[in-house]
Protein backbone atom coordinates (compact mmCIF):
# COMPACT_ATOMS: atom_id res chain seq x y z
CA UNK A 1 0.00 0.00 0.00
CA UNK A 2 2.90 2.32 0.80
CA UNK A 3 4.30 2.11 -2.74
CA UNK A 4 0.87 2.47 -4.36
CA UNK A 5 0.10 5.54 -2.25
CA UNK A 6 3.48 7.01 -3.09
CA UNK A 7 2.87 6.44 -6.81
CA UNK A 8 -0.52 8.15 -6.57
CA UNK A 9 1.04 11.13 -4.83
CA UNK A 10 3.84 11.41 -7.36
CA UNK A 11 1.19 11.49 -10.10
CA UNK A 12 -0.49 14.49 -8.43
CA UNK A 13 0.54 17.89 -9.69
CA UNK A 14 2.36 19.39 -8.00
CA UNK A 15 3.70 16.30 -6.24
CA UNK A 16 4.56 16.63 -2.56
CA UNK A 17 8.16 17.19 -1.54
CA UNK A 18 9.99 13.87 -1.53
CA UNK A 19 10.93 14.38 2.13
CA UNK A 20 7.24 14.52 3.05
CA UNK A 21 6.57 11.01 1.75
CA UNK A 22 9.66 9.19 3.01
CA UNK A 23 8.02 8.00 6.23
CA UNK A 24 4.81 6.07 6.67
CA UNK A 25 3.25 8.84 8.76
CA UNK A 26 4.26 11.53 6.27
CA UNK A 27 2.92 9.49 3.38
CA UNK A 28 -0.41 8.85 5.12
CA UNK A 29 -0.75 12.55 5.92
CA UNK A 30 0.10 13.66 2.37
CA UNK A 31 -2.24 11.02 0.89
CA UNK A 32 -5.08 12.29 3.05
CA UNK A 33 -4.43 15.96 2.33
CA UNK A 34 -3.75 15.75 -1.39
CA UNK A 35 -5.95 12.89 -2.54
CA UNK A 36 -8.70 12.17 -0.02
CA UNK A 37 -9.58 15.71 1.04
CA UNK A 38 -9.60 16.89 -2.59
CA UNK A 39 -12.01 14.10 -3.54
CA UNK A 40 -9.61 12.40 -5.95
CA UNK A 41 -9.90 9.15 -3.99
CA UNK A 42 -12.67 8.00 -1.67
CA UNK A 43 -12.76 8.61 2.06
CA UNK A 44 -13.18 4.86 2.50
CA UNK A 45 -9.90 4.26 0.68
CA UNK A 46 -8.14 6.74 2.95
CA UNK A 47 -9.61 5.12 6.06
CA UNK A 48 -8.58 1.68 4.84
CA UNK A 49 -5.01 2.89 4.28
CA UNK A 50 -4.88 4.37 7.76
CA UNK A 51 -6.37 1.29 9.48
CA UNK A 52 -4.04 -1.13 7.71
CA UNK A 53 -1.13 1.12 8.66
CA UNK A 54 -2.26 0.91 12.30
CA UNK A 55 -2.29 -2.89 12.06
CA UNK A 56 1.23 -2.79 10.59
CA UNK A 57 2.40 -0.69 13.54
CA UNK A 58 0.90 -3.16 16.00
CA UNK A 59 2.48 -6.12 14.22
CA UNK A 60 5.89 -4.48 13.91
CA UNK A 61 6.27 -2.57 17.15
CA UNK A 62 4.06 -3.94 19.92
CA UNK A 63 3.71 -7.13 21.88
CA UNK A 64 0.07 -7.37 20.83
CA UNK A 65 -0.67 -10.18 18.43
CA UNK A 66 -2.62 -9.46 15.24
CA UNK A 67 -5.35 -12.06 14.76
CA UNK A 68 -5.54 -14.10 11.59
CA UNK A 69 -8.89 -12.48 10.79
CA UNK A 70 -7.43 -8.97 11.08
CA UNK A 71 -4.45 -10.00 8.97
CA UNK A 72 -6.73 -11.45 6.27
CA UNK A 73 -8.82 -8.27 6.35
CA UNK A 74 -5.66 -6.17 5.95
CA UNK A 75 -4.51 -8.24 2.97
CA UNK A 76 -7.91 -7.85 1.29
CA UNK A 77 -7.85 -4.11 1.94
CA UNK A 78 -4.36 -3.88 0.46
CA UNK A 79 -5.47 -5.70 -2.70
CA UNK A 80 -8.45 -3.37 -3.12
CA UNK A 81 -6.32 -0.33 -2.38
CA UNK A 82 -3.71 -1.22 -5.00
CA UNK A 83 -6.43 -1.96 -7.54
CA UNK A 84 -8.13 1.40 -6.88
CA UNK A 85 -4.86 3.34 -7.00
CA UNK A 86 -3.83 1.60 -10.23
CA UNK A 87 -7.15 2.65 -11.75
CA UNK A 88 -6.75 6.19 -10.40
CA UNK A 89 -3.24 6.53 -11.82
CA UNK A 90 -4.21 5.21 -15.25
CA UNK A 91 -7.35 7.32 -15.61
CA UNK A 92 -6.08 10.60 -14.14
CA UNK A 93 -4.86 12.90 -16.92
CA UNK A 94 -1.19 13.67 -16.51
CA UNK A 95 -0.14 17.26 -17.16
CA UNK A 96 2.23 17.87 -20.02
CA UNK A 97 5.49 19.55 -19.10
CA UNK A 98 5.91 23.02 -20.63
CA UNK A 99 7.88 23.11 -23.86
CA UNK A 100 11.51 24.14 -23.40
CA UNK A 101 12.69 25.71 -26.64
CA UNK A 102 16.32 25.47 -25.51
CA UNK A 103 16.15 21.70 -25.95
CA UNK A 104 14.44 21.84 -29.36
CA UNK A 105 16.70 19.92 -31.74
CA UNK A 106 14.52 20.38 -34.82
CA UNK A 107 16.16 23.65 -35.79
C-alpha atoms as a PDB file:
ATOM      1  CA  UNK A   1       0.000   0.000   0.000  1.00  0.00           C
ATOM      2  CA  UNK A   2       2.898   2.315   0.798  1.00  0.00           C
ATOM      3  CA  UNK A   3       4.299   2.111  -2.740  1.00  0.00           C
ATOM      4  CA  UNK A   4       0.873   2.465  -4.364  1.00  0.00           C
ATOM      5  CA  UNK A   5       0.095   5.536  -2.252  1.00  0.00           C
ATOM      6  CA  UNK A   6       3.484   7.014  -3.087  1.00  0.00           C
ATOM      7  CA  UNK A   7       2.868   6.442  -6.814  1.00  0.00           C
ATOM      8  CA  UNK A   8      -0.517   8.147  -6.572  1.00  0.00           C
ATOM      9  CA  UNK A   9       1.038  11.132  -4.828  1.00  0.00           C
ATOM     10  CA  UNK A  10       3.839  11.408  -7.356  1.00  0.00           C
ATOM     11  CA  UNK A  11       1.194  11.486 -10.100  1.00  0.00           C
ATOM     12  CA  UNK A  12      -0.486  14.490  -8.426  1.00  0.00           C
ATOM     13  CA  UNK A  13       0.540  17.894  -9.690  1.00  0.00           C
ATOM     14  CA  UNK A  14       2.359  19.394  -8.004  1.00  0.00           C
ATOM     15  CA  UNK A  15       3.700  16.303  -6.237  1.00  0.00           C
ATOM     16  CA  UNK A  16       4.559  16.630  -2.561  1.00  0.00           C
ATOM     17  CA  UNK A  17       8.163  17.192  -1.543  1.00  0.00           C
ATOM     18  CA  UNK A  18       9.990  13.869  -1.530  1.00  0.00           C
ATOM     19  CA  UNK A  19      10.932  14.377   2.131  1.00  0.00           C
ATOM     20  CA  UNK A  20       7.238  14.519   3.047  1.00  0.00           C
ATOM     21  CA  UNK A  21       6.570  11.014   1.748  1.00  0.00           C
ATOM     22  CA  UNK A  22       9.660   9.187   3.006  1.00  0.00           C
ATOM     23  CA  UNK A  23       8.018   7.995   6.231  1.00  0.00           C
ATOM     24  CA  UNK A  24       4.805   6.073   6.675  1.00  0.00           C
ATOM     25  CA  UNK A  25       3.246   8.843   8.755  1.00  0.00           C
ATOM     26  CA  UNK A  26       4.259  11.532   6.266  1.00  0.00           C
ATOM     27  CA  UNK A  27       2.916   9.485   3.385  1.00  0.00           C
ATOM     28  CA  UNK A  28      -0.413   8.848   5.121  1.00  0.00           C
ATOM     29  CA  UNK A  29      -0.748  12.547   5.921  1.00  0.00           C
ATOM     30  CA  UNK A  30       0.101  13.657   2.369  1.00  0.00           C
ATOM     31  CA  UNK A  31      -2.236  11.019   0.894  1.00  0.00           C
ATOM     32  CA  UNK A  32      -5.079  12.291   3.052  1.00  0.00           C
ATOM     33  CA  UNK A  33      -4.433  15.956   2.330  1.00  0.00           C
ATOM     34  CA  UNK A  34      -3.752  15.751  -1.393  1.00  0.00           C
ATOM     35  CA  UNK A  35      -5.948  12.889  -2.537  1.00  0.00           C
ATOM     36  CA  UNK A  36      -8.704  12.168  -0.015  1.00  0.00           C
ATOM     37  CA  UNK A  37      -9.583  15.714   1.042  1.00  0.00           C
ATOM     38  CA  UNK A  38      -9.600  16.888  -2.587  1.00  0.00           C
ATOM     39  CA  UNK A  39     -12.006  14.102  -3.540  1.00  0.00           C
ATOM     40  CA  UNK A  40      -9.608  12.398  -5.945  1.00  0.00           C
ATOM     41  CA  UNK A  41      -9.901   9.147  -3.991  1.00  0.00           C
ATOM     42  CA  UNK A  42     -12.673   8.004  -1.667  1.00  0.00           C
ATOM     43  CA  UNK A  43     -12.762   8.612   2.062  1.00  0.00           C
ATOM     44  CA  UNK A  44     -13.176   4.864   2.500  1.00  0.00           C
ATOM     45  CA  UNK A  45      -9.903   4.256   0.679  1.00  0.00           C
ATOM     46  CA  UNK A  46      -8.143   6.743   2.951  1.00  0.00           C
ATOM     47  CA  UNK A  47      -9.615   5.120   6.061  1.00  0.00           C
ATOM     48  CA  UNK A  48      -8.578   1.683   4.837  1.00  0.00           C
ATOM     49  CA  UNK A  49      -5.011   2.892   4.279  1.00  0.00           C
ATOM     50  CA  UNK A  50      -4.883   4.373   7.761  1.00  0.00           C
ATOM     51  CA  UNK A  51      -6.367   1.289   9.482  1.00  0.00           C
ATOM     52  CA  UNK A  52      -4.039  -1.130   7.711  1.00  0.00           C
ATOM     53  CA  UNK A  53      -1.125   1.119   8.664  1.00  0.00           C
ATOM     54  CA  UNK A  54      -2.264   0.908  12.295  1.00  0.00           C
ATOM     55  CA  UNK A  55      -2.288  -2.885  12.059  1.00  0.00           C
ATOM     56  CA  UNK A  56       1.231  -2.794  10.594  1.00  0.00           C
ATOM     57  CA  UNK A  57       2.404  -0.686  13.536  1.00  0.00           C
ATOM     58  CA  UNK A  58       0.899  -3.158  16.002  1.00  0.00           C
ATOM     59  CA  UNK A  59       2.477  -6.118  14.223  1.00  0.00           C
ATOM     60  CA  UNK A  60       5.888  -4.482  13.914  1.00  0.00           C
ATOM     61  CA  UNK A  61       6.275  -2.571  17.146  1.00  0.00           C
ATOM     62  CA  UNK A  62       4.061  -3.935  19.916  1.00  0.00           C
ATOM     63  CA  UNK A  63       3.713  -7.127  21.881  1.00  0.00           C
ATOM     64  CA  UNK A  64       0.070  -7.366  20.831  1.00  0.00           C
ATOM     65  CA  UNK A  65      -0.672 -10.177  18.434  1.00  0.00           C
ATOM     66  CA  UNK A  66      -2.621  -9.465  15.238  1.00  0.00           C
ATOM     67  CA  UNK A  67      -5.346 -12.061  14.762  1.00  0.00           C
ATOM     68  CA  UNK A  68      -5.538 -14.100  11.594  1.00  0.00           C
ATOM     69  CA  UNK A  69      -8.891 -12.479  10.791  1.00  0.00           C
ATOM     70  CA  UNK A  70      -7.432  -8.972  11.077  1.00  0.00           C
ATOM     71  CA  UNK A  71      -4.448 -10.002   8.971  1.00  0.00           C
ATOM     72  CA  UNK A  72      -6.734 -11.446   6.265  1.00  0.00           C
ATOM     73  CA  UNK A  73      -8.819  -8.267   6.349  1.00  0.00           C
ATOM     74  CA  UNK A  74      -5.664  -6.167   5.948  1.00  0.00           C
ATOM     75  CA  UNK A  75      -4.510  -8.236   2.972  1.00  0.00           C
ATOM     76  CA  UNK A  76      -7.909  -7.849   1.290  1.00  0.00           C
ATOM     77  CA  UNK A  77      -7.852  -4.105   1.940  1.00  0.00           C
ATOM     78  CA  UNK A  78      -4.364  -3.880   0.461  1.00  0.00           C
ATOM     79  CA  UNK A  79      -5.474  -5.698  -2.703  1.00  0.00           C
ATOM     80  CA  UNK A  80      -8.454  -3.373  -3.125  1.00  0.00           C
ATOM     81  CA  UNK A  81      -6.323  -0.326  -2.377  1.00  0.00           C
ATOM     82  CA  UNK A  82      -3.706  -1.216  -4.997  1.00  0.00           C
ATOM     83  CA  UNK A  83      -6.431  -1.961  -7.543  1.00  0.00           C
ATOM     84  CA  UNK A  84      -8.127   1.397  -6.882  1.00  0.00           C
ATOM     85  CA  UNK A  85      -4.861   3.337  -6.998  1.00  0.00           C
ATOM     86  CA  UNK A  86      -3.825   1.604 -10.229  1.00  0.00           C
ATOM     87  CA  UNK A  87      -7.145   2.653 -11.753  1.00  0.00           C
ATOM     88  CA  UNK A  88      -6.755   6.189 -10.401  1.00  0.00           C
ATOM     89  CA  UNK A  89      -3.243   6.534 -11.821  1.00  0.00           C
ATOM     90  CA  UNK A  90      -4.213   5.208 -15.249  1.00  0.00           C
ATOM     91  CA  UNK A  91      -7.346   7.324 -15.609  1.00  0.00           C
ATOM     92  CA  UNK A  92      -6.083  10.601 -14.144  1.00  0.00           C
ATOM     93  CA  UNK A  93      -4.863  12.898 -16.917  1.00  0.00           C
ATOM     94  CA  UNK A  94      -1.188  13.668 -16.512  1.00  0.00           C
ATOM     95  CA  UNK A  95      -0.145  17.258 -17.161  1.00  0.00           C
ATOM     96  CA  UNK A  96       2.230  17.869 -20.021  1.00  0.00           C
ATOM     97  CA  UNK A  97       5.488  19.552 -19.105  1.00  0.00           C
ATOM     98  CA  UNK A  98       5.915  23.018 -20.626  1.00  0.00           C
ATOM     99  CA  UNK A  99       7.883  23.105 -23.857  1.00  0.00           C
ATOM    100  CA  UNK A 100      11.505  24.138 -23.395  1.00  0.00           C
ATOM    101  CA  UNK A 101      12.686  25.711 -26.635  1.00  0.00           C
ATOM    102  CA  UNK A 102      16.321  25.472 -25.515  1.00  0.00           C
ATOM    103  CA  UNK A 103      16.150  21.701 -25.950  1.00  0.00           C
ATOM    104  CA  UNK A 104      14.439  21.842 -29.359  1.00  0.00           C
ATOM    105  CA  UNK A 105      16.703  19.918 -31.738  1.00  0.00           C
ATOM    106  CA  UNK A 106      14.520  20.377 -34.824  1.00  0.00           C
ATOM    107  CA  UNK A 107      16.157  23.650 -35.786  1.00  0.00           C
END
